[in-house]
Amino acid sequence: MANGSSLAAMELMVFLGLVGWLLYYQYSNSRRDSSRTKSDEETSKESD
């Protein structure tokens, strides 16, 4: 039984790692998009 539970624990760690990586990836992309949008707005204001 210990072998099965260690396998389940390993699967859980891999799953949580993937979920954490996806959340970090989405967070970093949204920050990059928002900063790019702000710079685009500043550029359009300067041209007006």
PDB file of N, CA and C in Angstrom:
ATOM      1  N   MET A   1       0.831  -1.210   0.000  1.00  0.00           N
ATOM      2  CA  MET A   1       0.000   0.000   0.000  1.00  0.00           C
ATOM      3  C   MET A   1       0.864   1.258   0.000  1.00  0.00           C
ATOM      4  N   ALA A   2       2.025   1.178   0.640  1.00  0.00           N
ATOM      5  CA  ALA A   2       2.889   2.349   0.691  1.00  0.00           C
ATOM      6  C   ALA A   2       3.346   2.742  -0.710  1.00  0.00           C
ATOM      7  N   ASN A   3       3.547   1.742  -1.567  1.00  0.00           N
ATOM      8  CA  ASN A   3       3.990   2.033  -2.918  1.00  0.00           C
ATOM      9  C   ASN A   3       2.905   2.795  -3.679  1.00  0.00           C
ATOM     10  N   GLY A   4       1.642   2.390  -3.543  1.00  0.00           N
ATOM     11  CA  GLY A   4       0.544   3.071  -4.223  1.00  0.00           C
ATOM     12  C   GLY A   4       0.343   4.484  -3.710  1.00  0.00           C
ATOM     13  N   SER A   5       0.469   4.671  -2.417  1.00  0.00           N
ATOM     14  CA  SER A   5       0.258   6.011  -1.866  1.00  0.00           C
ATOM     15  C   SER A   5       1.410   6.944  -2.242  1.00  0.00           C
ATOM     16  N   SER A   6       2.632   6.409  -2.355  1.00  0.00           N
ATOM     17  CA  SER A   6       3.738   7.269  -2.777  1.00  0.00           C
ATOM     18  C   SER A   6       3.572   7.661  -4.239  1.00  0.00           C
ATOM     19  N   LEU A   7       3.013   6.763  -5.044  1.00  0.00           N
ATOM     20  CA  LEU A   7       2.738   7.100  -6.440  1.00  0.00           C
ATOM     21  C   LEU A   7       1.670   8.179  -6.530  1.00  0.00           C
ATOM     22  N   ALA A   8       0.638   8.063  -5.704  1.00  0.00           N
ATOM     23  CA  ALA A   8      -0.419   9.078  -5.689  1.00  0.00           C
ATOM     24  C   ALA A   8       0.147  10.420  -5.228  1.00  0.00           C
ATOM     25  N   ALA A   9       1.036  10.404  -4.248  1.00  0.00           N
ATOM     26  CA  ALA A   9       1.639  11.643  -3.763  1.00  0.00           C
ATOM     27  C   ALA A   9       2.501  12.276  -4.856  1.00  0.00           C
ATOM     28  N   MET A  10       3.221  11.438  -5.600  1.00  0.00           N
ATOM     29  CA  MET A  10       4.053  11.961  -6.677  1.00  0.00           C
ATOM     30  C   MET A  10       3.178  12.561  -7.781  1.00  0.00           C
ATOM     31  N   GLU A  11       2.088  11.902  -8.125  1.00  0.00           N
ATOM     32  CA  GLU A  11       1.177  12.436  -9.134  1.00  0.00           C
ATOM     33  C   GLU A  11       0.583  13.765  -8.686  1.00  0.00           C
ATOM     34  N   LEU A  12       0.244  13.862  -7.403  1.00  0.00           N
ATOM     35  CA  LEU A  12      -0.317  15.101  -6.870  1.00  0.00           C
ATOM     36  C   LEU A  12       0.705  16.233  -6.955  1.00  0.00           C
ATOM     37  N   MET A  13       1.957  15.945  -6.630  1.00  0.00           N
ATOM     38  CA  MET A  13       2.997  16.966  -6.705  1.00  0.00           C
ATOM     39  C   MET A  13       3.204  17.442  -8.140  1.00  0.00           C
ATOM     40  N   VAL A  14       3.190  16.515  -9.092  1.00  0.00           N
ATOM     41  CA  VAL A  14       3.344  16.894 -10.503  1.00  0.00           C
ATOM     42  C   VAL A  14       2.168  17.751 -10.941  1.00  0.00           C
ATOM     43  N   PHE A  15       0.955  17.346 -10.560  1.00  0.00           N
ATOM     44  CA  PHE A  15      -0.239  18.094 -10.930  1.00  0.00           C
ATOM     45  C   PHE A  15      -0.204  19.507 -10.345  1.00  0.00           C
ATOM     46  N   LEU A  16       0.134  19.614  -9.059  1.00  0.00           N
ATOM     47  CA  LEU A  16       0.204  20.937  -8.434  1.00  0.00           C
ATOM     48  C   LEU A  16       1.305  21.794  -9.059  1.00  0.00           C
ATOM     49  N   GLY A  17       2.402  21.165  -9.429  1.00  0.00           N
ATOM     50  CA  GLY A  17       3.474  21.903 -10.083  1.00  0.00           C
ATOM     51  C   GLY A  17       3.036  22.460 -11.425  1.00  0.00           C
ATOM     52  N   LEU A  18       2.315  21.652 -12.205  1.00  0.00           N
ATOM     53  CA  LEU A  18       1.820  22.126 -13.494  1.00  0.00           C
ATOM     54  C   LEU A  18       0.809  23.248 -13.323  1.00  0.00           C
ATOM     55  N   VAL A  19      -0.096  23.105 -12.369  1.00  0.00           N
ATOM     56  CA  VAL A  19      -1.092  24.147 -12.124  1.00  0.00           C
ATOM     57  C   VAL A  19      -0.398  25.438 -11.690  1.00  0.00           C
ATOM     58  N   GLY A  20       0.574  25.331 -10.808  1.00  0.00           N
ATOM     59  CA  GLY A  20       1.314  26.510 -10.363  1.00  0.00           C
ATOM     60  C   GLY A  20       2.059  27.177 -11.497  1.00  0.00           C
ATOM     61  N   TRP A  21       2.672  26.372 -12.377  1.00  0.00           N
ATOM     62  CA  TRP A  21       3.382  26.924 -13.516  1.00  0.00           C
ATOM     63  C   TRP A  21       2.417  27.635 -14.462  1.00  0.00           C
ATOM     64  N   LEU A  22       1.255  27.037 -14.711  1.00  0.00           N
ATOM     65  CA  LEU A  22       0.273  27.676 -15.592  1.00  0.00           C
ATOM     66  C   LEU A  22      -0.225  28.993 -15.010  1.00  0.00           C
ATOM     67  N   LEU A  23      -0.472  29.013 -13.705  1.00  0.00           N
ATOM     68  CA  LEU A  23      -0.908  30.267 -13.074  1.00  0.00           C
ATOM     69  C   LEU A  23       0.174  31.336 -13.187  1.00  0.00           C
ATOM     70  N   TYR A  24       1.423  30.961 -12.948  1.00  0.00           N
ATOM     71  CA  TYR A  24       2.523  31.916 -13.072  1.00  0.00           C
ATOM     72  C   TYR A  24       2.652  32.414 -14.507  1.00  0.00           C
ATOM     73  N   TYR A  25       2.507  31.507 -15.469  1.00  0.00           N
ATOM     74  CA  TYR A  25       2.621  31.872 -16.880  1.00  0.00           C
ATOM     75  C   TYR A  25       1.528  32.864 -17.270  1.00  0.00           C
ATOM     76  N   GLN A  26       0.287  32.604 -16.842  1.00  0.00           N
ATOM     77  CA  GLN A  26      -0.817  33.513 -17.141  1.00  0.00           C
ATOM     78  C   GLN A  26      -0.592  34.868 -16.466  1.00  0.00           C
ATOM     79  N   TYR A  27      -0.105  34.857 -15.217  1.00  0.00           N
ATOM     80  CA  TYR A  27       0.141  36.103 -14.492  1.00  0.00           C
ATOM     81  C   TYR A  27       1.216  36.938 -15.173  1.00  0.00           C
ATOM     82  N   SER A  28       2.296  36.285 -15.605  1.00  0.00           N
ATOM     83  CA  SER A  28       3.368  37.038 -16.250  1.00  0.00           C
ATOM     84  C   SER A  28       2.918  37.567 -17.603  1.00  0.00           C
ATOM     85  N   ASN A  29       2.116  36.816 -18.329  1.00  0.00           N
ATOM     86  CA  ASN A  29       1.611  37.300 -19.613  1.00  0.00           C
ATOM     87  C   ASN A  29       0.663  38.474 -19.423  1.00  0.00           C
ATOM     88  N   SER A  30      -0.190  38.422 -18.430  1.00  0.00           N
ATOM     89  CA  SER A  30      -1.136  39.518 -18.222  1.00  0.00           C
ATOM     90  C   SER A  30      -0.401  40.784 -17.789  1.00  0.00           C
ATOM     91  N   ARG A  31       0.654  40.650 -17.001  1.00  0.00           N
ATOM     92  CA  ARG A  31       1.437  41.826 -16.618  1.00  0.00           C
ATOM     93  C   ARG A  31       2.126  42.412 -17.835  1.00  0.00           C
ATOM     94  N   ARG A  32       2.667  41.563 -18.707  1.00  0.00           N
ATOM     95  CA  ARG A  32       3.356  42.045 -19.892  1.00  0.00           C
ATOM     96  C   ARG A  32       2.361  42.732 -20.827  1.00  0.00           C
ATOM     97  N   ASP A  33       1.162  42.160 -20.986  1.00  0.00           N
ATOM     98  CA  ASP A  33       0.151  42.764 -21.849  1.00  0.00           C
ATOM     99  C   ASP A  33      -0.295  44.115 -21.312  1.00  0.00           C
ATOM    100  N   SER A  34      -0.483  44.221 -19.996  1.00  0.00           N
ATOM    101  CA  SER A  34      -0.942  45.491 -19.431  1.00  0.00           C
ATOM    102  C   SER A  34       0.138  46.559 -19.566  1.00  0.00           C
ATOM    103  N   SER A  35       1.394  46.200 -19.416  1.00  0.00           N
ATOM    104  CA  SER A  35       2.449  47.194 -19.568  1.00  0.00           C
ATOM    105  C   SER A  35       2.581  47.602 -21.028  1.00  0.00           C
ATOM    106  N   ARG A  36       2.380  46.665 -21.948  1.00  0.00           N
ATOM    107  CA  ARG A  36       2.442  46.999 -23.369  1.00  0.00           C
ATOM    108  C   ARG A  36       1.279  47.913 -23.742  1.00  0.00           C
ATOM    109  N   THR A  37       0.094  47.658 -23.166  1.00  0.00           N
ATOM    110  CA  THR A  37      -1.078  48.502 -23.439  1.00  0.00           C
ATOM    111  C   THR A  37      -0.829  49.913 -22.922  1.00  0.00           C
ATOM    112  N   LYS A  38      -0.228  50.051 -21.750  1.00  0.00           N
ATOM    113  CA  LYS A  38       0.056  51.384 -21.216  1.00  0.00           C
ATOM    114  C   LYS A  38       1.033  52.126 -22.111  1.00  0.00           C
ATOM    115  N   SER A  39       2.057  51.451 -22.607  1.00  0.00           N
ATOM    116  CA  SER A  39       3.016  52.130 -23.474  1.00  0.00           C
ATOM    117  C   SER A  39       2.363  52.504 -24.795  1.00  0.00           C
ATOM    118  N   ASP A  40       1.455  51.695 -25.295  1.00  0.00           N
ATOM    119  CA  ASP A  40       0.729  52.041 -26.520  1.00  0.00           C
ATOM    120  C   ASP A  40      -0.146  53.269 -26.296  1.00  0.00           C
ATOM    121  N   GLU A  41      -0.794  53.355 -25.140  1.00  0.00           N
ATOM    122  CA  GLU A  41      -1.628  54.518 -24.841  1.00  0.00           C
ATOM    123  C   GLU A  41      -0.778  55.782 -24.754  1.00  0.00           C
ATOM    124  N   GLU A  42       0.395  55.683 -24.133  1.00  0.00           N
ATOM    125  CA  GLU A  42       1.268  56.847 -24.029  1.00  0.00           C
ATOM    126  C   GLU A  42       1.732  57.294 -25.406  1.00  0.00           C
ATOM    127  N   THR A  43       2.005  56.345 -26.279  1.00  0.00           N
ATOM    128  CA  THR A  43       2.440  56.687 -27.630  1.00  0.00           C
ATOM    129  C   THR A  43       1.335  57.381 -28.386  1.00  0.00           C
ATOM    130  N   SER A  44       0.097  56.901 -28.238  1.00  0.00           N
ATOM    131  CA  SER A  44      -1.013  57.539 -28.953  1.00  0.00           C
ATOM    132  C   SER A  44      -1.299  58.938 -28.399  1.00  0.00           C
ATOM    133  N   LYS A  45      -1.100  59.148 -27.094  1.00  0.00           N
ATOM    134  CA  LYS A  45      -1.318  60.476 -26.512  1.00  0.00           C
ATOM    135  C   LYS A  45      -0.273  61.468 -27.034  1.00  0.00           C
ATOM    136  N   GLU A  46       0.960  60.985 -27.194  1.00  0.00           N
ATOM    137  CA  GLU A  46       2.011  61.880 -27.678  1.00  0.00           C
ATOM    138  C   GLU A  46       1.742  62.293 -29.119  1.00  0.00           C
ATOM    139  N   SER A  47       1.149  61.430 -29.925  1.00  0.00           N
ATOM    140  CA  SER A  47       0.902  61.758 -31.328  1.00  0.00           C
ATOM    141  C   SER A  47      -0.289  62.682 -31.495  1.00  0.00           C
ATOM    142  N   ASP A  48      -1.169  62.785 -30.502  1.00  0.00           N
ATOM    143  CA  ASP A  48      -2.363  63.653 -30.618  1.00  0.00           C
ATOM    144  C   ASP A  48      -2.007  65.118 -30.555  1.00  0.00           C
TER     145      ASP A  48
END
